[in-house]
Amino acid sequence: LWHDRIGRWSALTAAVSILAIAPF
């Protein structure tokens, strides 16, 4: 979704959230 601005930011937010939650 790199060319879709909203999709890119949504996916990036989800990925960062998953990385933050995974250790716990």
PDBML (XML) file of the C-alpha atoms, coordinates in Angstrom:
<?xml version="1.0" encoding="UTF-8" ?>
<PDBx:datablock datablockName="MODEL"
   xmlns:PDBx="http://pdbml.pdb.org/schema/pdbx-v50.xsd"
   xmlns:xsi="http://www.w3.org/2001/XMLSchema-instance"
   xsi:schemaLocation="http://pdbml.pdb.org/schema/pdbx-v50.xsd pdbx-v50.xsd">
   <PDBx:atom_siteCategory>
      <PDBx:atom_site id="1">
         <PDBx:B_iso_or_equiv>0.00</PDBx:B_iso_or_equiv>
         <PDBx:Cartn_x>0.000</PDBx:Cartn_x>
         <PDBx:Cartn_y>0.000</PDBx:Cartn_y>
         <PDBx:Cartn_z>0.000</PDBx:Cartn_z>
         <PDBx:auth_asym_id>A</PDBx:auth_asym_id>
         <PDBx:auth_atom_id>CA</PDBx:auth_atom_id>
         <PDBx:auth_comp_id>LEU</PDBx:auth_comp_id>
         <PDBx:auth_seq_id>1</PDBx:auth_seq_id>
         <PDBx:group_PDB>ATOM</PDBx:group_PDB>
         <PDBx:label_alt_id xsi:nil="true" />
         <PDBx:label_asym_id>A</PDBx:label_asym_id>
         <PDBx:label_atom_id>CA</PDBx:label_atom_id>
         <PDBx:label_comp_id>LEU</PDBx:label_comp_id>
         <PDBx:label_entity_id>1</PDBx:label_entity_id>
         <PDBx:label_seq_id>1</PDBx:label_seq_id>
         <PDBx:occupancy>1.00</PDBx:occupancy>
         <PDBx:pdbx_PDB_model_num>1</PDBx:pdbx_PDB_model_num>
         <PDBx:type_symbol>C</PDBx:type_symbol>
      </PDBx:atom_site>
      <PDBx:atom_site id="2">
         <PDBx:B_iso_or_equiv>0.00</PDBx:B_iso_or_equiv>
         <PDBx:Cartn_x>2.973</PDBx:Cartn_x>
         <PDBx:Cartn_y>2.335</PDBx:Cartn_y>
         <PDBx:Cartn_z>-0.443</PDBx:Cartn_z>
         <PDBx:auth_asym_id>A</PDBx:auth_asym_id>
         <PDBx:auth_atom_id>CA</PDBx:auth_atom_id>
         <PDBx:auth_comp_id>TRP</PDBx:auth_comp_id>
         <PDBx:auth_seq_id>2</PDBx:auth_seq_id>
         <PDBx:group_PDB>ATOM</PDBx:group_PDB>
         <PDBx:label_alt_id xsi:nil="true" />
         <PDBx:label_asym_id>A</PDBx:label_asym_id>
         <PDBx:label_atom_id>CA</PDBx:label_atom_id>
         <PDBx:label_comp_id>TRP</PDBx:label_comp_id>
         <PDBx:label_entity_id>1</PDBx:label_entity_id>
         <PDBx:label_seq_id>2</PDBx:label_seq_id>
         <PDBx:occupancy>1.00</PDBx:occupancy>
         <PDBx:pdbx_PDB_model_num>1</PDBx:pdbx_PDB_model_num>
         <PDBx:type_symbol>C</PDBx:type_symbol>
      </PDBx:atom_site>
      <PDBx:atom_site id="3">
         <PDBx:B_iso_or_equiv>0.00</PDBx:B_iso_or_equiv>
         <PDBx:Cartn_x>1.204</PDBx:Cartn_x>
         <PDBx:Cartn_y>4.529</PDBx:Cartn_y>
         <PDBx:Cartn_z>-3.010</PDBx:Cartn_z>
         <PDBx:auth_asym_id>A</PDBx:auth_asym_id>
         <PDBx:auth_atom_id>CA</PDBx:auth_atom_id>
         <PDBx:auth_comp_id>HIS</PDBx:auth_comp_id>
         <PDBx:auth_seq_id>3</PDBx:auth_seq_id>
         <PDBx:group_PDB>ATOM</PDBx:group_PDB>
         <PDBx:label_alt_id xsi:nil="true" />
         <PDBx:label_asym_id>A</PDBx:label_asym_id>
         <PDBx:label_atom_id>CA</PDBx:label_atom_id>
         <PDBx:label_comp_id>HIS</PDBx:label_comp_id>
         <PDBx:label_entity_id>1</PDBx:label_entity_id>
         <PDBx:label_seq_id>3</PDBx:label_seq_id>
         <PDBx:occupancy>1.00</PDBx:occupancy>
         <PDBx:pdbx_PDB_model_num>1</PDBx:pdbx_PDB_model_num>
         <PDBx:type_symbol>C</PDBx:type_symbol>
      </PDBx:atom_site>
      <PDBx:atom_site id="4">
         <PDBx:B_iso_or_equiv>0.00</PDBx:B_iso_or_equiv>
         <PDBx:Cartn_x>-1.987</PDBx:Cartn_x>
         <PDBx:Cartn_y>4.822</PDBx:Cartn_y>
         <PDBx:Cartn_z>-0.943</PDBx:Cartn_z>
         <PDBx:auth_asym_id>A</PDBx:auth_asym_id>
         <PDBx:auth_atom_id>CA</PDBx:auth_atom_id>
         <PDBx:auth_comp_id>ASP</PDBx:auth_comp_id>
         <PDBx:auth_seq_id>4</PDBx:auth_seq_id>
         <PDBx:group_PDB>ATOM</PDBx:group_PDB>
         <PDBx:label_alt_id xsi:nil="true" />
         <PDBx:label_asym_id>A</PDBx:label_asym_id>
         <PDBx:label_atom_id>CA</PDBx:label_atom_id>
         <PDBx:label_comp_id>ASP</PDBx:label_comp_id>
         <PDBx:label_entity_id>1</PDBx:label_entity_id>
         <PDBx:label_seq_id>4</PDBx:label_seq_id>
         <PDBx:occupancy>1.00</PDBx:occupancy>
         <PDBx:pdbx_PDB_model_num>1</PDBx:pdbx_PDB_model_num>
         <PDBx:type_symbol>C</PDBx:type_symbol>
      </PDBx:atom_site>
      <PDBx:atom_site id="5">
         <PDBx:B_iso_or_equiv>0.00</PDBx:B_iso_or_equiv>
         <PDBx:Cartn_x>-1.265</PDBx:Cartn_x>
         <PDBx:Cartn_y>7.394</PDBx:Cartn_y>
         <PDBx:Cartn_z>1.764</PDBx:Cartn_z>
         <PDBx:auth_asym_id>A</PDBx:auth_asym_id>
         <PDBx:auth_atom_id>CA</PDBx:auth_atom_id>
         <PDBx:auth_comp_id>ARG</PDBx:auth_comp_id>
         <PDBx:auth_seq_id>5</PDBx:auth_seq_id>
         <PDBx:group_PDB>ATOM</PDBx:group_PDB>
         <PDBx:label_alt_id xsi:nil="true" />
         <PDBx:label_asym_id>A</PDBx:label_asym_id>
         <PDBx:label_atom_id>CA</PDBx:label_atom_id>
         <PDBx:label_comp_id>ARG</PDBx:label_comp_id>
         <PDBx:label_entity_id>1</PDBx:label_entity_id>
         <PDBx:label_seq_id>5</PDBx:label_seq_id>
         <PDBx:occupancy>1.00</PDBx:occupancy>
         <PDBx:pdbx_PDB_model_num>1</PDBx:pdbx_PDB_model_num>
         <PDBx:type_symbol>C</PDBx:type_symbol>
      </PDBx:atom_site>
      <PDBx:atom_site id="6">
         <PDBx:B_iso_or_equiv>0.00</PDBx:B_iso_or_equiv>
         <PDBx:Cartn_x>-3.985</PDBx:Cartn_x>
         <PDBx:Cartn_y>6.298</PDBx:Cartn_y>
         <PDBx:Cartn_z>4.203</PDBx:Cartn_z>
         <PDBx:auth_asym_id>A</PDBx:auth_asym_id>
         <PDBx:auth_atom_id>CA</PDBx:auth_atom_id>
         <PDBx:auth_comp_id>ILE</PDBx:auth_comp_id>
         <PDBx:auth_seq_id>6</PDBx:auth_seq_id>
         <PDBx:group_PDB>ATOM</PDBx:group_PDB>
         <PDBx:label_alt_id xsi:nil="true" />
         <PDBx:label_asym_id>A</PDBx:label_asym_id>
         <PDBx:label_atom_id>CA</PDBx:label_atom_id>
         <PDBx:label_comp_id>ILE</PDBx:label_comp_id>
         <PDBx:label_entity_id>1</PDBx:label_entity_id>
         <PDBx:label_seq_id>6</PDBx:label_seq_id>
         <PDBx:occupancy>1.00</PDBx:occupancy>
         <PDBx:pdbx_PDB_model_num>1</PDBx:pdbx_PDB_model_num>
         <PDBx:type_symbol>C</PDBx:type_symbol>
      </PDBx:atom_site>
      <PDBx:atom_site id="7">
         <PDBx:B_iso_or_equiv>0.00</PDBx:B_iso_or_equiv>
         <PDBx:Cartn_x>-3.288</PDBx:Cartn_x>
         <PDBx:Cartn_y>2.593</PDBx:Cartn_y>
         <PDBx:Cartn_z>3.661</PDBx:Cartn_z>
         <PDBx:auth_asym_id>A</PDBx:auth_asym_id>
         <PDBx:auth_atom_id>CA</PDBx:auth_atom_id>
         <PDBx:auth_comp_id>GLY</PDBx:auth_comp_id>
         <PDBx:auth_seq_id>7</PDBx:auth_seq_id>
         <PDBx:group_PDB>ATOM</PDBx:group_PDB>
         <PDBx:label_alt_id xsi:nil="true" />
         <PDBx:label_asym_id>A</PDBx:label_asym_id>
         <PDBx:label_atom_id>CA</PDBx:label_atom_id>
         <PDBx:label_comp_id>GLY</PDBx:label_comp_id>
         <PDBx:label_entity_id>1</PDBx:label_entity_id>
         <PDBx:label_seq_id>7</PDBx:label_seq_id>
         <PDBx:occupancy>1.00</PDBx:occupancy>
         <PDBx:pdbx_PDB_model_num>1</PDBx:pdbx_PDB_model_num>
         <PDBx:type_symbol>C</PDBx:type_symbol>
      </PDBx:atom_site>
      <PDBx:atom_site id="8">
         <PDBx:B_iso_or_equiv>0.00</PDBx:B_iso_or_equiv>
         <PDBx:Cartn_x>0.442</PDBx:Cartn_x>
         <PDBx:Cartn_y>3.074</PDBx:Cartn_y>
         <PDBx:Cartn_z>4.124</PDBx:Cartn_z>
         <PDBx:auth_asym_id>A</PDBx:auth_asym_id>
         <PDBx:auth_atom_id>CA</PDBx:auth_atom_id>
         <PDBx:auth_comp_id>ARG</PDBx:auth_comp_id>
         <PDBx:auth_seq_id>8</PDBx:auth_seq_id>
         <PDBx:group_PDB>ATOM</PDBx:group_PDB>
         <PDBx:label_alt_id xsi:nil="true" />
         <PDBx:label_asym_id>A</PDBx:label_asym_id>
         <PDBx:label_atom_id>CA</PDBx:label_atom_id>
         <PDBx:label_comp_id>ARG</PDBx:label_comp_id>
         <PDBx:label_entity_id>1</PDBx:label_entity_id>
         <PDBx:label_seq_id>8</PDBx:label_seq_id>
         <PDBx:occupancy>1.00</PDBx:occupancy>
         <PDBx:pdbx_PDB_model_num>1</PDBx:pdbx_PDB_model_num>
         <PDBx:type_symbol>C</PDBx:type_symbol>
      </PDBx:atom_site>
      <PDBx:atom_site id="9">
         <PDBx:B_iso_or_equiv>0.00</PDBx:B_iso_or_equiv>
         <PDBx:Cartn_x>0.036</PDBx:Cartn_x>
         <PDBx:Cartn_y>4.948</PDBx:Cartn_y>
         <PDBx:Cartn_z>7.410</PDBx:Cartn_z>
         <PDBx:auth_asym_id>A</PDBx:auth_asym_id>
         <PDBx:auth_atom_id>CA</PDBx:auth_atom_id>
         <PDBx:auth_comp_id>TRP</PDBx:auth_comp_id>
         <PDBx:auth_seq_id>9</PDBx:auth_seq_id>
         <PDBx:group_PDB>ATOM</PDBx:group_PDB>
         <PDBx:label_alt_id xsi:nil="true" />
         <PDBx:label_asym_id>A</PDBx:label_asym_id>
         <PDBx:label_atom_id>CA</PDBx:label_atom_id>
         <PDBx:label_comp_id>TRP</PDBx:label_comp_id>
         <PDBx:label_entity_id>1</PDBx:label_entity_id>
         <PDBx:label_seq_id>9</PDBx:label_seq_id>
         <PDBx:occupancy>1.00</PDBx:occupancy>
         <PDBx:pdbx_PDB_model_num>1</PDBx:pdbx_PDB_model_num>
         <PDBx:type_symbol>C</PDBx:type_symbol>
      </PDBx:atom_site>
      <PDBx:atom_site id="10">
         <PDBx:B_iso_or_equiv>0.00</PDBx:B_iso_or_equiv>
         <PDBx:Cartn_x>-2.582</PDBx:Cartn_x>
         <PDBx:Cartn_y>2.493</PDBx:Cartn_y>
         <PDBx:Cartn_z>8.679</PDBx:Cartn_z>
         <PDBx:auth_asym_id>A</PDBx:auth_asym_id>
         <PDBx:auth_atom_id>CA</PDBx:auth_atom_id>
         <PDBx:auth_comp_id>SER</PDBx:auth_comp_id>
         <PDBx:auth_seq_id>10</PDBx:auth_seq_id>
         <PDBx:group_PDB>ATOM</PDBx:group_PDB>
         <PDBx:label_alt_id xsi:nil="true" />
         <PDBx:label_asym_id>A</PDBx:label_asym_id>
         <PDBx:label_atom_id>CA</PDBx:label_atom_id>
         <PDBx:label_comp_id>SER</PDBx:label_comp_id>
         <PDBx:label_entity_id>1</PDBx:label_entity_id>
         <PDBx:label_seq_id>10</PDBx:label_seq_id>
         <PDBx:occupancy>1.00</PDBx:occupancy>
         <PDBx:pdbx_PDB_model_num>1</PDBx:pdbx_PDB_model_num>
         <PDBx:type_symbol>C</PDBx:type_symbol>
      </PDBx:atom_site>
      <PDBx:atom_site id="11">
         <PDBx:B_iso_or_equiv>0.00</PDBx:B_iso_or_equiv>
         <PDBx:Cartn_x>-0.364</PDBx:Cartn_x>
         <PDBx:Cartn_y>-0.496</PDBx:Cartn_y>
         <PDBx:Cartn_z>7.931</PDBx:Cartn_z>
         <PDBx:auth_asym_id>A</PDBx:auth_asym_id>
         <PDBx:auth_atom_id>CA</PDBx:auth_atom_id>
         <PDBx:auth_comp_id>ALA</PDBx:auth_comp_id>
         <PDBx:auth_seq_id>11</PDBx:auth_seq_id>
         <PDBx:group_PDB>ATOM</PDBx:group_PDB>
         <PDBx:label_alt_id xsi:nil="true" />
         <PDBx:label_asym_id>A</PDBx:label_asym_id>
         <PDBx:label_atom_id>CA</PDBx:label_atom_id>
         <PDBx:label_comp_id>ALA</PDBx:label_comp_id>
         <PDBx:label_entity_id>1</PDBx:label_entity_id>
         <PDBx:label_seq_id>11</PDBx:label_seq_id>
         <PDBx:occupancy>1.00</PDBx:occupancy>
         <PDBx:pdbx_PDB_model_num>1</PDBx:pdbx_PDB_model_num>
         <PDBx:type_symbol>C</PDBx:type_symbol>
      </PDBx:atom_site>
      <PDBx:atom_site id="12">
         <PDBx:B_iso_or_equiv>0.00</PDBx:B_iso_or_equiv>
         <PDBx:Cartn_x>2.676</PDBx:Cartn_x>
         <PDBx:Cartn_y>1.241</PDBx:Cartn_y>
         <PDBx:Cartn_z>9.411</PDBx:Cartn_z>
         <PDBx:auth_asym_id>A</PDBx:auth_asym_id>
         <PDBx:auth_atom_id>CA</PDBx:auth_atom_id>
         <PDBx:auth_comp_id>LEU</PDBx:auth_comp_id>
         <PDBx:auth_seq_id>12</PDBx:auth_seq_id>
         <PDBx:group_PDB>ATOM</PDBx:group_PDB>
         <PDBx:label_alt_id xsi:nil="true" />
         <PDBx:label_asym_id>A</PDBx:label_asym_id>
         <PDBx:label_atom_id>CA</PDBx:label_atom_id>
         <PDBx:label_comp_id>LEU</PDBx:label_comp_id>
         <PDBx:label_entity_id>1</PDBx:label_entity_id>
         <PDBx:label_seq_id>12</PDBx:label_seq_id>
         <PDBx:occupancy>1.00</PDBx:occupancy>
         <PDBx:pdbx_PDB_model_num>1</PDBx:pdbx_PDB_model_num>
         <PDBx:type_symbol>C</PDBx:type_symbol>
      </PDBx:atom_site>
      <PDBx:atom_site id="13">
         <PDBx:B_iso_or_equiv>0.00</PDBx:B_iso_or_equiv>
         <PDBx:Cartn_x>0.735</PDBx:Cartn_x>
         <PDBx:Cartn_y>2.060</PDBx:Cartn_y>
         <PDBx:Cartn_z>12.579</PDBx:Cartn_z>
         <PDBx:auth_asym_id>A</PDBx:auth_asym_id>
         <PDBx:auth_atom_id>CA</PDBx:auth_atom_id>
         <PDBx:auth_comp_id>THR</PDBx:auth_comp_id>
         <PDBx:auth_seq_id>13</PDBx:auth_seq_id>
         <PDBx:group_PDB>ATOM</PDBx:group_PDB>
         <PDBx:label_alt_id xsi:nil="true" />
         <PDBx:label_asym_id>A</PDBx:label_asym_id>
         <PDBx:label_atom_id>CA</PDBx:label_atom_id>
         <PDBx:label_comp_id>THR</PDBx:label_comp_id>
         <PDBx:label_entity_id>1</PDBx:label_entity_id>
         <PDBx:label_seq_id>13</PDBx:label_seq_id>
         <PDBx:occupancy>1.00</PDBx:occupancy>
         <PDBx:pdbx_PDB_model_num>1</PDBx:pdbx_PDB_model_num>
         <PDBx:type_symbol>C</PDBx:type_symbol>
      </PDBx:atom_site>
      <PDBx:atom_site id="14">
         <PDBx:B_iso_or_equiv>0.00</PDBx:B_iso_or_equiv>
         <PDBx:Cartn_x>-0.377</PDBx:Cartn_x>
         <PDBx:Cartn_y>-1.557</PDBx:Cartn_y>
         <PDBx:Cartn_z>12.868</PDBx:Cartn_z>
         <PDBx:auth_asym_id>A</PDBx:auth_asym_id>
         <PDBx:auth_atom_id>CA</PDBx:auth_atom_id>
         <PDBx:auth_comp_id>ALA</PDBx:auth_comp_id>
         <PDBx:auth_seq_id>14</PDBx:auth_seq_id>
         <PDBx:group_PDB>ATOM</PDBx:group_PDB>
         <PDBx:label_alt_id xsi:nil="true" />
         <PDBx:label_asym_id>A</PDBx:label_asym_id>
         <PDBx:label_atom_id>CA</PDBx:label_atom_id>
         <PDBx:label_comp_id>ALA</PDBx:label_comp_id>
         <PDBx:label_entity_id>1</PDBx:label_entity_id>
         <PDBx:label_seq_id>14</PDBx:label_seq_id>
         <PDBx:occupancy>1.00</PDBx:occupancy>
         <PDBx:pdbx_PDB_model_num>1</PDBx:pdbx_PDB_model_num>
         <PDBx:type_symbol>C</PDBx:type_symbol>
      </PDBx:atom_site>
      <PDBx:atom_site id="15">
         <PDBx:B_iso_or_equiv>0.00</PDBx:B_iso_or_equiv>
         <PDBx:Cartn_x>3.160</PDBx:Cartn_x>
         <PDBx:Cartn_y>-2.859</PDBx:Cartn_y>
         <PDBx:Cartn_z>12.344</PDBx:Cartn_z>
         <PDBx:auth_asym_id>A</PDBx:auth_asym_id>
         <PDBx:auth_atom_id>CA</PDBx:auth_atom_id>
         <PDBx:auth_comp_id>ALA</PDBx:auth_comp_id>
         <PDBx:auth_seq_id>15</PDBx:auth_seq_id>
         <PDBx:group_PDB>ATOM</PDBx:group_PDB>
         <PDBx:label_alt_id xsi:nil="true" />
         <PDBx:label_asym_id>A</PDBx:label_asym_id>
         <PDBx:label_atom_id>CA</PDBx:label_atom_id>
         <PDBx:label_comp_id>ALA</PDBx:label_comp_id>
         <PDBx:label_entity_id>1</PDBx:label_entity_id>
         <PDBx:label_seq_id>15</PDBx:label_seq_id>
         <PDBx:occupancy>1.00</PDBx:occupancy>
         <PDBx:pdbx_PDB_model_num>1</PDBx:pdbx_PDB_model_num>
         <PDBx:type_symbol>C</PDBx:type_symbol>
      </PDBx:atom_site>
      <PDBx:atom_site id="16">
         <PDBx:B_iso_or_equiv>0.00</PDBx:B_iso_or_equiv>
         <PDBx:Cartn_x>4.665</PDBx:Cartn_x>
         <PDBx:Cartn_y>-0.545</PDBx:Cartn_y>
         <PDBx:Cartn_z>14.958</PDBx:Cartn_z>
         <PDBx:auth_asym_id>A</PDBx:auth_asym_id>
         <PDBx:auth_atom_id>CA</PDBx:auth_atom_id>
         <PDBx:auth_comp_id>VAL</PDBx:auth_comp_id>
         <PDBx:auth_seq_id>16</PDBx:auth_seq_id>
         <PDBx:group_PDB>ATOM</PDBx:group_PDB>
         <PDBx:label_alt_id xsi:nil="true" />
         <PDBx:label_asym_id>A</PDBx:label_asym_id>
         <PDBx:label_atom_id>CA</PDBx:label_atom_id>
         <PDBx:label_comp_id>VAL</PDBx:label_comp_id>
         <PDBx:label_entity_id>1</PDBx:label_entity_id>
         <PDBx:label_seq_id>16</PDBx:label_seq_id>
         <PDBx:occupancy>1.00</PDBx:occupancy>
         <PDBx:pdbx_PDB_model_num>1</PDBx:pdbx_PDB_model_num>
         <PDBx:type_symbol>C</PDBx:type_symbol>
      </PDBx:atom_site>
      <PDBx:atom_site id="17">
         <PDBx:B_iso_or_equiv>0.00</PDBx:B_iso_or_equiv>
         <PDBx:Cartn_x>1.880</PDBx:Cartn_x>
         <PDBx:Cartn_y>-1.429</PDBx:Cartn_y>
         <PDBx:Cartn_z>17.413</PDBx:Cartn_z>
         <PDBx:auth_asym_id>A</PDBx:auth_asym_id>
         <PDBx:auth_atom_id>CA</PDBx:auth_atom_id>
         <PDBx:auth_comp_id>SER</PDBx:auth_comp_id>
         <PDBx:auth_seq_id>17</PDBx:auth_seq_id>
         <PDBx:group_PDB>ATOM</PDBx:group_PDB>
         <PDBx:label_alt_id xsi:nil="true" />
         <PDBx:label_asym_id>A</PDBx:label_asym_id>
         <PDBx:label_atom_id>CA</PDBx:label_atom_id>
         <PDBx:label_comp_id>SER</PDBx:label_comp_id>
         <PDBx:label_entity_id>1</PDBx:label_entity_id>
         <PDBx:label_seq_id>17</PDBx:label_seq_id>
         <PDBx:occupancy>1.00</PDBx:occupancy>
         <PDBx:pdbx_PDB_model_num>1</PDBx:pdbx_PDB_model_num>
         <PDBx:type_symbol>C</PDBx:type_symbol>
      </PDBx:atom_site>
      <PDBx:atom_site id="18">
         <PDBx:B_iso_or_equiv>0.00</PDBx:B_iso_or_equiv>
         <PDBx:Cartn_x>2.539</PDBx:Cartn_x>
         <PDBx:Cartn_y>-5.129</PDBx:Cartn_y>
         <PDBx:Cartn_z>16.940</PDBx:Cartn_z>
         <PDBx:auth_asym_id>A</PDBx:auth_asym_id>
         <PDBx:auth_atom_id>CA</PDBx:auth_atom_id>
         <PDBx:auth_comp_id>ILE</PDBx:auth_comp_id>
         <PDBx:auth_seq_id>18</PDBx:auth_seq_id>
         <PDBx:group_PDB>ATOM</PDBx:group_PDB>
         <PDBx:label_alt_id xsi:nil="true" />
         <PDBx:label_asym_id>A</PDBx:label_asym_id>
         <PDBx:label_atom_id>CA</PDBx:label_atom_id>
         <PDBx:label_comp_id>ILE</PDBx:label_comp_id>
         <PDBx:label_entity_id>1</PDBx:label_entity_id>
         <PDBx:label_seq_id>18</PDBx:label_seq_id>
         <PDBx:occupancy>1.00</PDBx:occupancy>
         <PDBx:pdbx_PDB_model_num>1</PDBx:pdbx_PDB_model_num>
         <PDBx:type_symbol>C</PDBx:type_symbol>
      </PDBx:atom_site>
      <PDBx:atom_site id="19">
         <PDBx:B_iso_or_equiv>0.00</PDBx:B_iso_or_equiv>
         <PDBx:Cartn_x>6.254</PDBx:Cartn_x>
         <PDBx:Cartn_y>-4.636</PDBx:Cartn_y>
         <PDBx:Cartn_z>17.536</PDBx:Cartn_z>
         <PDBx:auth_asym_id>A</PDBx:auth_asym_id>
         <PDBx:auth_atom_id>CA</PDBx:auth_atom_id>
         <PDBx:auth_comp_id>LEU</PDBx:auth_comp_id>
         <PDBx:auth_seq_id>19</PDBx:auth_seq_id>
         <PDBx:group_PDB>ATOM</PDBx:group_PDB>
         <PDBx:label_alt_id xsi:nil="true" />
         <PDBx:label_asym_id>A</PDBx:label_asym_id>
         <PDBx:label_atom_id>CA</PDBx:label_atom_id>
         <PDBx:label_comp_id>LEU</PDBx:label_comp_id>
         <PDBx:label_entity_id>1</PDBx:label_entity_id>
         <PDBx:label_seq_id>19</PDBx:label_seq_id>
         <PDBx:occupancy>1.00</PDBx:occupancy>
         <PDBx:pdbx_PDB_model_num>1</PDBx:pdbx_PDB_model_num>
         <PDBx:type_symbol>C</PDBx:type_symbol>
      </PDBx:atom_site>
      <PDBx:atom_site id="20">
         <PDBx:B_iso_or_equiv>0.00</PDBx:B_iso_or_equiv>
         <PDBx:Cartn_x>5.483</PDBx:Cartn_x>
         <PDBx:Cartn_y>-2.707</PDBx:Cartn_y>
         <PDBx:Cartn_z>20.726</PDBx:Cartn_z>
         <PDBx:auth_asym_id>A</PDBx:auth_asym_id>
         <PDBx:auth_atom_id>CA</PDBx:auth_atom_id>
         <PDBx:auth_comp_id>ALA</PDBx:auth_comp_id>
         <PDBx:auth_seq_id>20</PDBx:auth_seq_id>
         <PDBx:group_PDB>ATOM</PDBx:group_PDB>
         <PDBx:label_alt_id xsi:nil="true" />
         <PDBx:label_asym_id>A</PDBx:label_asym_id>
         <PDBx:label_atom_id>CA</PDBx:label_atom_id>
         <PDBx:label_comp_id>ALA</PDBx:label_comp_id>
         <PDBx:label_entity_id>1</PDBx:label_entity_id>
         <PDBx:label_seq_id>20</PDBx:label_seq_id>
         <PDBx:occupancy>1.00</PDBx:occupancy>
         <PDBx:pdbx_PDB_model_num>1</PDBx:pdbx_PDB_model_num>
         <PDBx:type_symbol>C</PDBx:type_symbol>
      </PDBx:atom_site>
      <PDBx:atom_site id="21">
         <PDBx:B_iso_or_equiv>0.00</PDBx:B_iso_or_equiv>
         <PDBx:Cartn_x>3.088</PDBx:Cartn_x>
         <PDBx:Cartn_y>-5.364</PDBx:Cartn_y>
         <PDBx:Cartn_z>22.055</PDBx:Cartn_z>
         <PDBx:auth_asym_id>A</PDBx:auth_asym_id>
         <PDBx:auth_atom_id>CA</PDBx:auth_atom_id>
         <PDBx:auth_comp_id>ILE</PDBx:auth_comp_id>
         <PDBx:auth_seq_id>21</PDBx:auth_seq_id>
         <PDBx:group_PDB>ATOM</PDBx:group_PDB>
         <PDBx:label_alt_id xsi:nil="true" />
         <PDBx:label_asym_id>A</PDBx:label_asym_id>
         <PDBx:label_atom_id>CA</PDBx:label_atom_id>
         <PDBx:label_comp_id>ILE</PDBx:label_comp_id>
         <PDBx:label_entity_id>1</PDBx:label_entity_id>
         <PDBx:label_seq_id>21</PDBx:label_seq_id>
         <PDBx:occupancy>1.00</PDBx:occupancy>
         <PDBx:pdbx_PDB_model_num>1</PDBx:pdbx_PDB_model_num>
         <PDBx:type_symbol>C</PDBx:type_symbol>
      </PDBx:atom_site>
      <PDBx:atom_site id="22">
         <PDBx:B_iso_or_equiv>0.00</PDBx:B_iso_or_equiv>
         <PDBx:Cartn_x>5.000</PDBx:Cartn_x>
         <PDBx:Cartn_y>-8.526</PDBx:Cartn_y>
         <PDBx:Cartn_z>21.029</PDBx:Cartn_z>
         <PDBx:auth_asym_id>A</PDBx:auth_asym_id>
         <PDBx:auth_atom_id>CA</PDBx:auth_atom_id>
         <PDBx:auth_comp_id>ALA</PDBx:auth_comp_id>
         <PDBx:auth_seq_id>22</PDBx:auth_seq_id>
         <PDBx:group_PDB>ATOM</PDBx:group_PDB>
         <PDBx:label_alt_id xsi:nil="true" />
         <PDBx:label_asym_id>A</PDBx:label_asym_id>
         <PDBx:label_atom_id>CA</PDBx:label_atom_id>
         <PDBx:label_comp_id>ALA</PDBx:label_comp_id>
         <PDBx:label_entity_id>1</PDBx:label_entity_id>
         <PDBx:label_seq_id>22</PDBx:label_seq_id>
         <PDBx:occupancy>1.00</PDBx:occupancy>
         <PDBx:pdbx_PDB_model_num>1</PDBx:pdbx_PDB_model_num>
         <PDBx:type_symbol>C</PDBx:type_symbol>
      </PDBx:atom_site>
      <PDBx:atom_site id="23">
         <PDBx:B_iso_or_equiv>0.00</PDBx:B_iso_or_equiv>
         <PDBx:Cartn_x>7.512</PDBx:Cartn_x>
         <PDBx:Cartn_y>-8.554</PDBx:Cartn_y>
         <PDBx:Cartn_z>23.932</PDBx:Cartn_z>
         <PDBx:auth_asym_id>A</PDBx:auth_asym_id>
         <PDBx:auth_atom_id>CA</PDBx:auth_atom_id>
         <PDBx:auth_comp_id>PRO</PDBx:auth_comp_id>
         <PDBx:auth_seq_id>23</PDBx:auth_seq_id>
         <PDBx:group_PDB>ATOM</PDBx:group_PDB>
         <PDBx:label_alt_id xsi:nil="true" />
         <PDBx:label_asym_id>A</PDBx:label_asym_id>
         <PDBx:label_atom_id>CA</PDBx:label_atom_id>
         <PDBx:label_comp_id>PRO</PDBx:label_comp_id>
         <PDBx:label_entity_id>1</PDBx:label_entity_id>
         <PDBx:label_seq_id>23</PDBx:label_seq_id>
         <PDBx:occupancy>1.00</PDBx:occupancy>
         <PDBx:pdbx_PDB_model_num>1</PDBx:pdbx_PDB_model_num>
         <PDBx:type_symbol>C</PDBx:type_symbol>
      </PDBx:atom_site>
      <PDBx:atom_site id="24">
         <PDBx:B_iso_or_equiv>0.00</PDBx:B_iso_or_equiv>
         <PDBx:Cartn_x>4.675</PDBx:Cartn_x>
         <PDBx:Cartn_y>-8.455</PDBx:Cartn_y>
         <PDBx:Cartn_z>26.458</PDBx:Cartn_z>
         <PDBx:auth_asym_id>A</PDBx:auth_asym_id>
         <PDBx:auth_atom_id>CA</PDBx:auth_atom_id>
         <PDBx:auth_comp_id>PHE</PDBx:auth_comp_id>
         <PDBx:auth_seq_id>24</PDBx:auth_seq_id>
         <PDBx:group_PDB>ATOM</PDBx:group_PDB>
         <PDBx:label_alt_id xsi:nil="true" />
         <PDBx:label_asym_id>A</PDBx:label_asym_id>
         <PDBx:label_atom_id>CA</PDBx:label_atom_id>
         <PDBx:label_comp_id>PHE</PDBx:label_comp_id>
         <PDBx:label_entity_id>1</PDBx:label_entity_id>
         <PDBx:label_seq_id>24</PDBx:label_seq_id>
         <PDBx:occupancy>1.00</PDBx:occupancy>
         <PDBx:pdbx_PDB_model_num>1</PDBx:pdbx_PDB_model_num>
         <PDBx:type_symbol>C</PDBx:type_symbol>
      </PDBx:atom_site>
   </PDBx:atom_siteCategory>
</PDBx:datablock>
